[in-house]
C-alpha atoms as a PDB file:
ATOM      1  CA  MET A   1      16.310   1.760   7.653  1.00  0.00           C
ATOM      2  CA  GLU A   2      14.062   2.272   4.654  1.00  0.00           C
ATOM      3  CA  GLU A   3      13.060   5.731   5.877  1.00  0.00           C
ATOM      4  CA  SER A   4      16.695   6.848   6.219  1.00  0.00           C
ATOM      5  CA  LEU A   5      17.436   5.449   2.757  1.00  0.00           C
ATOM      6  CA  VAL A   6      14.562   7.402   1.220  1.00  0.00           C
ATOM      7  CA  HIS A   7      15.860  10.643   2.732  1.00  0.00           C
ATOM      8  CA  THR A   8      19.199  10.160   0.929  1.00  0.00           C
ATOM      9  CA  LEU A   9      17.679   9.388  -2.466  1.00  0.00           C
ATOM     10  CA  PRO A  10      17.772  12.065  -5.199  1.00  0.00           C
ATOM     11  CA  ILE A  11      14.898  14.088  -6.601  1.00  0.00           C
ATOM     12  CA  SER A  12      14.720  11.615  -9.480  1.00  0.00           C
ATOM     13  CA  TYR A  13      13.473   9.002  -6.989  1.00  0.00           C
ATOM     14  CA  ALA A  14      10.648  11.311  -5.923  1.00  0.00           C
ATOM     15  CA  LEU A  15       9.727  11.940  -9.562  1.00  0.00           C
ATOM     16  CA  VAL A  16       9.648   8.239 -10.421  1.00  0.00           C
ATOM     17  CA  LYS A  17       7.610   7.482  -7.300  1.00  0.00           C
ATOM     18  CA  TYR A  18       5.224  10.318  -8.180  1.00  0.00           C
ATOM     19  CA  LEU A  19       4.803   8.914 -11.696  1.00  0.00           C
ATOM     20  CA  HIS A  20       4.136   5.484 -10.192  1.00  0.00           C
ATOM     21  CA  VAL A  21       1.365   6.965  -8.044  1.00  0.00           C
ATOM     22  CA  LEU A  22      -0.113   8.818 -11.026  1.00  0.00           C
ATOM     23  CA  LEU A  23      -0.251   5.605 -13.039  1.00  0.00           C
ATOM     24  CA  PHE A  24      -2.290   3.949 -10.281  1.00  0.00           C
ATOM     25  CA  VAL A  25      -4.592   6.978  -9.985  1.00  0.00           C
ATOM     26  CA  TYR A  26      -5.275   7.338 -13.697  1.00  0.00           C
ATOM     27  CA  TRP A  27      -5.598   3.587 -14.206  1.00  0.00           C
ATOM     28  CA  LEU A  28      -8.321   3.228 -11.575  1.00  0.00           C
ATOM     29  CA  GLY A  29      -9.967   6.576 -12.290  1.00  0.00           C
ATOM     30  CA  ALA A  30     -10.152   6.144 -16.039  1.00  0.00           C
ATOM     31  CA  ASP A  31     -11.305   2.528 -15.677  1.00  0.00           C
ATOM     32  CA  ALA A  32     -14.199   3.728 -13.523  1.00  0.00           C
ATOM     33  CA  GLY A  33     -15.073   6.220 -16.271  1.00  0.00           C
ATOM     34  CA  VAL A  34     -14.954   3.475 -18.894  1.00  0.00           C
ATOM     35  CA  PHE A  35     -17.243   1.315 -16.782  1.00  0.00           C
ATOM     36  CA  TYR A  36     -19.701   4.168 -16.251  1.00  0.00           C
ATOM     37  CA  SER A  37     -19.787   5.199 -19.911  1.00  0.00           C
ATOM     38  CA  SER A  38     -20.412   1.584 -20.950  1.00  0.00           C
ATOM     39  CA  THR A  39     -23.731   1.646 -19.085  1.00  0.00           C
ATOM     40  CA  PHE A  40     -24.920   4.401 -21.449  1.00  0.00           C
ATOM     41  CA  VAL A  41     -23.851   2.414 -24.516  1.00  0.00           C
ATOM     42  CA  VAL A  42     -26.158  -0.473 -23.563  1.00  0.00           C
ATOM     43  CA  ASN A  43     -28.985   1.706 -22.217  1.00  0.00           C
ATOM     44  CA  GLU A  44     -31.999   0.879 -24.392  1.00  0.00           C
ATOM     45  CA  LYS A  45     -33.830   4.015 -23.250  1.00  0.00           C
ATOM     46  CA  LEU A  46     -31.307   6.310 -24.943  1.00  0.00           C
ATOM     47  CA  THR A  47     -31.360   7.284 -28.605  1.00  0.00           C
ATOM     48  CA  LYS A  48     -29.002   5.680 -31.056  1.00  0.00           C
ATOM     49  CA  GLU A  49     -27.079   8.937 -31.400  1.00  0.00           C
ATOM     50  CA  ALA A  50     -26.605   9.225 -27.629  1.00  0.00           C
ATOM     51  CA  ARG A  51     -25.369   5.651 -27.458  1.00  0.00           C
ATOM     52  CA  LEU A  52     -22.942   6.228 -30.340  1.00  0.00           C
ATOM     53  CA  THR A  53     -21.548   9.247 -28.519  1.00  0.00           C
ATOM     54  CA  ALA A  54     -21.209   7.224 -25.306  1.00  0.00           C
ATOM     55  CA  PHE A  55     -19.318   4.571 -27.260  1.00  0.00           C
ATOM     56  CA  LYS A  56     -16.813   7.149 -28.522  1.00  0.00           C
ATOM     57  CA  ILE A  57     -16.233   8.283 -24.948  1.00  0.00           C
ATOM     58  CA  PHE A  58     -15.951   4.650 -23.853  1.00  0.00           C
ATOM     59  CA  VAL A  59     -13.349   3.750 -26.491  1.00  0.00           C
ATOM     60  CA  ASN A  60     -11.168   6.837 -26.131  1.00  0.00           C
ATOM     61  CA  LEU A  61     -11.255   6.867 -22.330  1.00  0.00           C
ATOM     62  CA  ASP A  62     -10.310   3.182 -22.321  1.00  0.00           C
ATOM     63  CA  MET A  63      -6.924   4.093 -23.802  1.00  0.00           C
ATOM     64  CA  LEU A  64      -5.777   5.700 -20.554  1.00  0.00           C
ATOM     65  CA  PRO A  65      -5.771   2.455 -18.496  1.00  0.00           C
ATOM     66  CA  ARG A  66      -4.053   0.747 -21.435  1.00  0.00           C
ATOM     67  CA  TYR A  67      -1.312   3.367 -21.434  1.00  0.00           C
ATOM     68  CA  CYS A  68      -0.917   3.034 -17.668  1.00  0.00           C
ATOM     69  CA  LEU A  69      -0.533  -0.730 -17.893  1.00  0.00           C
ATOM     70  CA  ALA A  70       2.075  -0.404 -20.651  1.00  0.00           C
ATOM     71  CA  LEU A  71       4.185   1.977 -18.546  1.00  0.00           C
ATOM     72  CA  MET A  72       3.700   0.430 -15.107  1.00  0.00           C
ATOM     73  CA  LEU A  73       6.321  -2.300 -15.307  1.00  0.00           C
ATOM     74  CA  THR A  74       9.019   0.108 -16.471  1.00  0.00           C
ATOM     75  CA  VAL A  75       8.257   2.692 -13.781  1.00  0.00           C
ATOM     76  CA  GLY A  76       7.963   0.004 -11.114  1.00  0.00           C
ATOM     77  CA  GLY A  77      11.232  -1.597 -12.194  1.00  0.00           C
ATOM     78  CA  VAL A  78      13.120   1.698 -12.001  1.00  0.00           C
ATOM     79  CA  LEU A  79      11.535   2.409  -8.613  1.00  0.00           C
ATOM     80  CA  ALA A  80      12.607  -1.011  -7.322  1.00  0.00           C
ATOM     81  CA  GLU A  81      16.176  -0.200  -8.312  1.00  0.00           C
ATOM     82  CA  TYR A  82      16.045   2.978  -6.219  1.00  0.00           C
ATOM     83  CA  VAL A  83      14.935   1.116  -3.084  1.00  0.00           C
ATOM     84  CA  GLY A  84      17.638  -1.519  -3.324  1.00  0.00           C
ATOM     85  CA  TYR A  85      16.597  -4.300  -5.703  1.00  0.00           C
ATOM     86  CA  ARG A  86      19.450  -4.679  -8.184  1.00  0.00           C
ATOM     87  CA  HIS A  87      18.692  -5.840 -11.721  1.00  0.00           C
ATOM     88  CA  PRO A  88      21.385  -7.144 -14.063  1.00  0.00           C
ATOM     89  CA  LEU A  89      22.309  -4.522 -16.663  1.00  0.00           C
ATOM     90  CA  TRP A  90      20.692  -6.428 -19.544  1.00  0.00           C
ATOM     91  CA  GLN A  91      17.472  -6.760 -17.536  1.00  0.00           C
ATOM     92  CA  MET A  92      17.434  -3.076 -16.621  1.00  0.00           C
ATOM     93  CA  ILE A  93      17.886  -2.111 -20.274  1.00  0.00           C
ATOM     94  CA  GLY A  94      14.915  -4.296 -21.168  1.00  0.00           C
ATOM     95  CA  ILE A  95      12.782  -2.861 -18.360  1.00  0.00           C
ATOM     96  CA  VAL A  96      13.503   0.732 -19.369  1.00  0.00           C
ATOM     97  CA  ALA A  97      12.878   0.017 -23.067  1.00  0.00           C
ATOM     98  CA  LEU A  98       9.671  -1.949 -22.448  1.00  0.00           C
ATOM     99  CA  GLY A  99       7.469   0.977 -21.391  1.00  0.00           C
ATOM    100  CA  PRO A 100       8.016   3.338 -24.351  1.00  0.00           C
ATOM    101  CA  ILE A 101       7.865   0.501 -26.886  1.00  0.00           C
ATOM    102  CA  TRP A 102       4.730  -1.065 -25.401  1.00  0.00           C
ATOM    103  CA  LEU A 103       3.114   2.371 -25.103  1.00  0.00           C
ATOM    104  CA  TRP A 104       3.801   3.026 -28.786  1.00  0.00           C
ATOM    105  CA  VAL A 105       2.336  -0.358 -29.777  1.00  0.00           C
ATOM    106  CA  VAL A 106      -0.816   0.196 -27.707  1.00  0.00           C
ATOM    107  CA  HIS A 107      -1.274   3.670 -29.191  1.00  0.00           C
ATOM    108  CA  MET A 108      -0.694   2.547 -32.774  1.00  0.00           C
ATOM    109  CA  VAL A 109      -3.107  -0.368 -32.404  1.00  0.00           C
ATOM    110  CA  HIS A 110      -5.725   2.249 -31.513  1.00  0.00           C
ATOM    111  CA  VAL A 111      -4.978   4.859 -34.190  1.00  0.00           C
ATOM    112  CA  LYS A 112      -4.366   2.284 -36.945  1.00  0.00           C
ATOM    113  CA  GLU A 113      -7.405   0.155 -36.134  1.00  0.00           C
ATOM    114  CA  GLY A 114      -8.891  -1.368 -39.281  1.00  0.00           C
ATOM    115  CA  THR A 115      -5.623  -1.189 -41.256  1.00  0.00           C
ATOM    116  CA  GLN A 116      -3.346  -4.113 -42.010  1.00  0.00           C
ATOM    117  CA  PHE A 117      -0.584  -2.537 -39.933  1.00  0.00           C
ATOM    118  CA  GLY A 118      -2.932  -2.119 -36.997  1.00  0.00           C
ATOM    119  CA  GLN A 119      -4.085  -5.730 -37.245  1.00  0.00           C
ATOM    120  CA  VAL A 120      -0.489  -7.005 -37.274  1.00  0.00           C
ATOM    121  CA  LEU A 121       0.361  -4.906 -34.222  1.00  0.00           C
ATOM    122  CA  ALA A 122      -2.808  -6.005 -32.410  1.00  0.00           C
ATOM    123  CA  ARG A 123      -2.002  -9.667 -33.047  1.00  0.00           C
ATOM    124  CA  GLY A 124       1.566  -9.177 -31.865  1.00  0.00           C
ATOM    125  CA  ASP A 125       0.387  -7.350 -28.736  1.00  0.00           C
ATOM    126  CA  TYR A 126      -2.086 -10.146 -28.021  1.00  0.00           C
ATOM    127  CA  TYR A 127       0.590 -12.847 -28.040  1.00  0.00           C
ATOM    128  CA  PHE A 128       3.072 -10.608 -26.242  1.00  0.00           C
ATOM    129  CA  ARG A 129       0.679 -10.276 -23.312  1.00  0.00           C
ATOM    130  CA  GLY A 130       0.427 -14.055 -23.104  1.00  0.00           C
ATOM    131  CA  VAL A 131       4.217 -14.282 -23.001  1.00  0.00           C
ATOM    132  CA  MET A 132       4.310 -11.586 -20.316  1.00  0.00           C
ATOM    133  CA  ILE A 133       1.886 -13.482 -18.077  1.00  0.00           C
ATOM    134  CA  VAL A 134       3.962 -16.661 -18.213  1.00  0.00           C
ATOM    135  CA  GLY A 135       7.261 -14.774 -18.120  1.00  0.00           C
ATOM    136  CA  LEU A 136       6.395 -12.730 -15.032  1.00  0.00           C
ATOM    137  CA  VAL A 137       5.209 -15.741 -13.037  1.00  0.00           C
ATOM    138  CA  ALA A 138       8.262 -17.783 -14.076  1.00  0.00           C
ATOM    139  CA  SER A 139      10.626 -14.886 -13.303  1.00  0.00           C
ATOM    140  CA  VAL A 140       9.168 -14.363  -9.829  1.00  0.00           C
ATOM    141  CA  ALA A 141       9.395 -18.097  -9.092  1.00  0.00           C
ATOM    142  CA  TYR A 142      13.001 -18.281 -10.319  1.00  0.00           C
ATOM    143  CA  HIS A 143      14.237 -15.166  -8.512  1.00  0.00           C
ATOM    144  CA  TRP A 144      12.451 -16.198  -5.335  1.00  0.00           C
ATOM    145  CA  TYR A 145      13.986 -19.682  -5.454  1.00  0.00           C
ATOM    146  CA  THR A 146      17.474 -18.338  -6.188  1.00  0.00           C
ATOM    147  CA  GLY A 147      17.208 -15.688  -3.492  1.00  0.00           C
ATOM    148  CA  PRO A 148      17.161 -12.099  -4.826  1.00  0.00           C
ATOM    149  CA  LEU A 149      13.422 -11.558  -4.327  1.00  0.00           C
ATOM    150  CA  GLN A 150      13.259 -13.073  -0.840  1.00  0.00           C
ATOM    151  CA  ALA A 151      14.357  -9.771   0.684  1.00  0.00           C
ATOM    152  CA  PHE A 152      11.630  -7.996  -1.299  1.00  0.00           C
ATOM    153  CA  PRO A 153       8.462 -10.106  -0.920  1.00  0.00           C
ATOM    154  CA  TRP A 154       6.289  -7.047  -1.640  1.00  0.00           C
ATOM    155  CA  ILE A 155       7.930  -6.669  -5.066  1.00  0.00           C
ATOM    156  CA  ALA A 156       7.257 -10.347  -5.777  1.00  0.00           C
ATOM    157  CA  ALA A 157       3.606  -9.872  -4.797  1.00  0.00           C
ATOM    158  CA  LYS A 158       3.218  -6.793  -6.990  1.00  0.00           C
ATOM    159  CA  LEU A 159       4.728  -8.594  -9.997  1.00  0.00           C
ATOM    160  CA  LEU A 160       2.350 -11.528  -9.571  1.00  0.00           C
ATOM    161  CA  ILE A 161      -0.591  -9.146  -9.279  1.00  0.00           C
ATOM    162  CA  PHE A 162       0.583  -7.385 -12.433  1.00  0.00           C
ATOM    163  CA  ALA A 163       0.624 -10.713 -14.264  1.00  0.00           C
ATOM    164  CA  PHE A 164      -2.933 -11.261 -13.033  1.00  0.00           C
ATOM    165  CA  LEU A 165      -3.959  -7.818 -14.301  1.00  0.00           C
ATOM    166  CA  ILE A 166      -2.588  -8.632 -17.747  1.00  0.00           C
ATOM    167  CA  PHE A 167      -4.521 -11.912 -17.619  1.00  0.00           C
ATOM    168  CA  CYS A 168      -7.744 -10.057 -16.774  1.00  0.00           C
ATOM    169  CA  GLY A 169      -7.180  -7.688 -19.702  1.00  0.00           C
ATOM    170  CA  PHE A 170      -6.489 -10.721 -21.868  1.00  0.00           C
ATOM    171  CA  MET A 171      -9.829 -12.248 -20.851  1.00  0.00           C
ATOM    172  CA  ILE A 172     -11.694  -8.983 -21.437  1.00  0.00           C
ATOM    173  CA  ARG A 173     -10.329  -8.961 -24.971  1.00  0.00           C
ATOM    174  CA  LYS A 174     -11.625 -12.510 -25.464  1.00  0.00           C
ATOM    175  CA  LYS A 175     -15.064 -11.779 -23.977  1.00  0.00           C
ATOM    176  CA  LEU A 176     -15.672  -8.405 -25.659  1.00  0.00           C
ATOM    177  CA  PRO A 177     -16.406  -9.426 -29.311  1.00  0.00           C
ATOM    178  CA  PRO A 178     -20.196  -9.908 -28.800  1.00  0.00           C
ATOM    179  CA  PHE A 179     -20.369  -6.351 -27.451  1.00  0.00           C
ATOM    180  CA  ILE A 180     -18.478  -5.019 -30.482  1.00  0.00           C
ATOM    181  CA  GLU A 181     -20.612  -7.085 -32.861  1.00  0.00           C
ATOM    182  CA  GLY A 182     -23.805  -5.790 -31.257  1.00  0.00           C
ATOM    183  CA  PHE A 183     -22.559  -2.215 -31.458  1.00  0.00           C
ATOM    184  CA  ARG A 184     -21.755  -2.585 -35.156  1.00  0.00           C
ATOM    185  CA  MET A 185     -25.234  -3.978 -35.735  1.00  0.00           C
ATOM    186  CA  MET A 186     -26.735  -0.990 -33.948  1.00  0.00           C
ATOM    187  CA  ALA A 187     -24.524   1.508 -35.794  1.00  0.00           C
ATOM    188  CA  GLY A 188     -25.244  -0.019 -39.203  1.00  0.00           C
ATOM    189  CA  GLN A 189     -28.789  -1.367 -38.999  1.00  0.00           C
ATOM    190  CA  GLY A 190     -30.232   0.585 -36.101  1.00  0.00           C
ATOM    191  CA  VAL A 191     -31.251  -0.513 -32.636  1.00  0.00           C
ATOM    192  CA  THR A 192     -32.727  -4.026 -32.531  1.00  0.00           C
ATOM    193  CA  PRO A 193     -33.383  -6.549 -29.729  1.00  0.00           C
ATOM    194  CA  ALA A 194     -30.573  -8.673 -31.176  1.00  0.00           C
ATOM    195  CA  SER A 195     -28.034  -5.829 -31.101  1.00  0.00           C
ATOM    196  CA  ASN A 196     -29.041  -4.914 -27.556  1.00  0.00           C
ATOM    197  CA  GLN A 197     -28.750  -8.526 -26.414  1.00  0.00           C
ATOM    198  CA  LYS A 198     -25.302  -9.022 -27.931  1.00  0.00           C
ATOM    199  CA  MET A 199     -23.973  -5.800 -26.442  1.00  0.00           C
ATOM    200  CA  LEU A 200     -25.335  -6.617 -23.006  1.00  0.00           C
ATOM    201  CA  GLU A 201     -24.032 -10.194 -23.077  1.00  0.00           C
ATOM    202  CA  GLY A 202     -20.544  -9.079 -24.082  1.00  0.00           C
ATOM    203  CA  LEU A 203     -20.442  -6.351 -21.467  1.00  0.00           C
ATOM    204  CA  MET A 204     -21.686  -8.581 -18.652  1.00  0.00           C
ATOM    205  CA  ALA A 205     -19.116 -11.259 -19.550  1.00  0.00           C
ATOM    206  CA  CYS A 206     -16.343  -8.665 -19.153  1.00  0.00           C
ATOM    207  CA  ARG A 207     -17.485  -7.144 -15.887  1.00  0.00           C
ATOM    208  CA  PRO A 208     -16.046  -9.767 -13.482  1.00  0.00           C
ATOM    209  CA  TYR A 209     -12.608  -9.178 -14.996  1.00  0.00           C
ATOM    210  CA  VAL A 210     -13.054  -5.409 -14.800  1.00  0.00           C
ATOM    211  CA  TRP A 211     -13.878  -5.689 -11.104  1.00  0.00           C
ATOM    212  CA  ALA A 212     -10.893  -8.006 -10.622  1.00  0.00           C
ATOM    213  CA  ILE A 213      -8.648  -5.379 -12.212  1.00  0.00           C
ATOM    214  CA  TRP A 214      -9.949  -2.725  -9.819  1.00  0.00           C
ATOM    215  CA  VAL A 215      -9.241  -4.969  -6.831  1.00  0.00           C
ATOM    216  CA  GLY A 216      -5.826  -5.941  -8.209  1.00  0.00           C
ATOM    217  CA  VAL A 217      -4.706  -2.369  -8.902  1.00  0.00           C
ATOM    218  CA  ALA A 218      -5.915  -1.168  -5.490  1.00  0.00           C
ATOM    219  CA  LEU A 219      -4.258  -4.115  -3.730  1.00  0.00           C
ATOM    220  CA  SER A 220      -0.988  -3.562  -5.586  1.00  0.00           C
ATOM    221  CA  ALA A 221      -0.987   0.100  -4.562  1.00  0.00           C
ATOM    222  CA  PHE A 222      -1.628  -0.847  -0.933  1.00  0.00           C
ATOM    223  CA  ILE A 223       1.185  -3.414  -0.944  1.00  0.00           C
ATOM    224  CA  GLY A 224       3.511  -0.784  -2.404  1.00  0.00           C
ATOM    225  CA  VAL A 225       2.718   1.541   0.513  1.00  0.00           C
ATOM    226  CA  TRP A 226       2.769  -1.173   3.190  1.00  0.00           C
ATOM    227  CA  LYS A 227       5.786  -3.106   1.863  1.00  0.00           C
ATOM    228  CA  PRO A 228       5.208  -6.273   3.916  1.00  0.00           C
ATOM    229  CA  GLY A 229       8.470  -8.058   4.649  1.00  0.00           C
ATOM    230  CA  ALA A 230      10.627  -4.984   3.996  1.00  0.00           C
ATOM    231  CA  GLY A 231      13.551  -4.576   6.357  1.00  0.00           C
ATOM    232  CA  GLY A 232      12.762  -2.149   9.120  1.00  0.00           C
END
């Protein structure tokens, strides 16, 4: 039944699905690049200048997974509508608006870093992600209990995984400060054992959550292809 439905869907469905796939690809691919470049930032055998350059690559490349996360819920929500999950109008308006607004916030936090405006946006984004984690879990529980999601268990699973991905990003943000502090020490005072230690400690504290994000994104993509529980 799903296959026959897909054949009747318009080209817009194919475009949205293609964008959904691209978000998964660039999220995982860019995250791998961020992880790899971070190893050069903490490499004590490299010169300070080489490590500063690696940090610039690390920071700028890290924006791509952030953009993908900001857009994923909107693209996924529109895609769910195409395959039969009906959102109330007010909810669909919110889903469509979320992606562009969140993308703008994430981008402005980056380009306005160090300014008062950037700090306000960063604080707002921080608390917003906490609300999203709780809100997604509560929404899945409510819509499963009341019935709409029971016909789409794969959508429920993907939403819960997405909440987990936000949580992992939340934890990375909490664990990263020693790395940033160590980098600033290195950039300002030069390479020291203390700066190296702080950077390494911060990076190692983040790595379990980075790996969890990789597993979560890959699992979510697989569930989207498999669609367990979908009507056949």
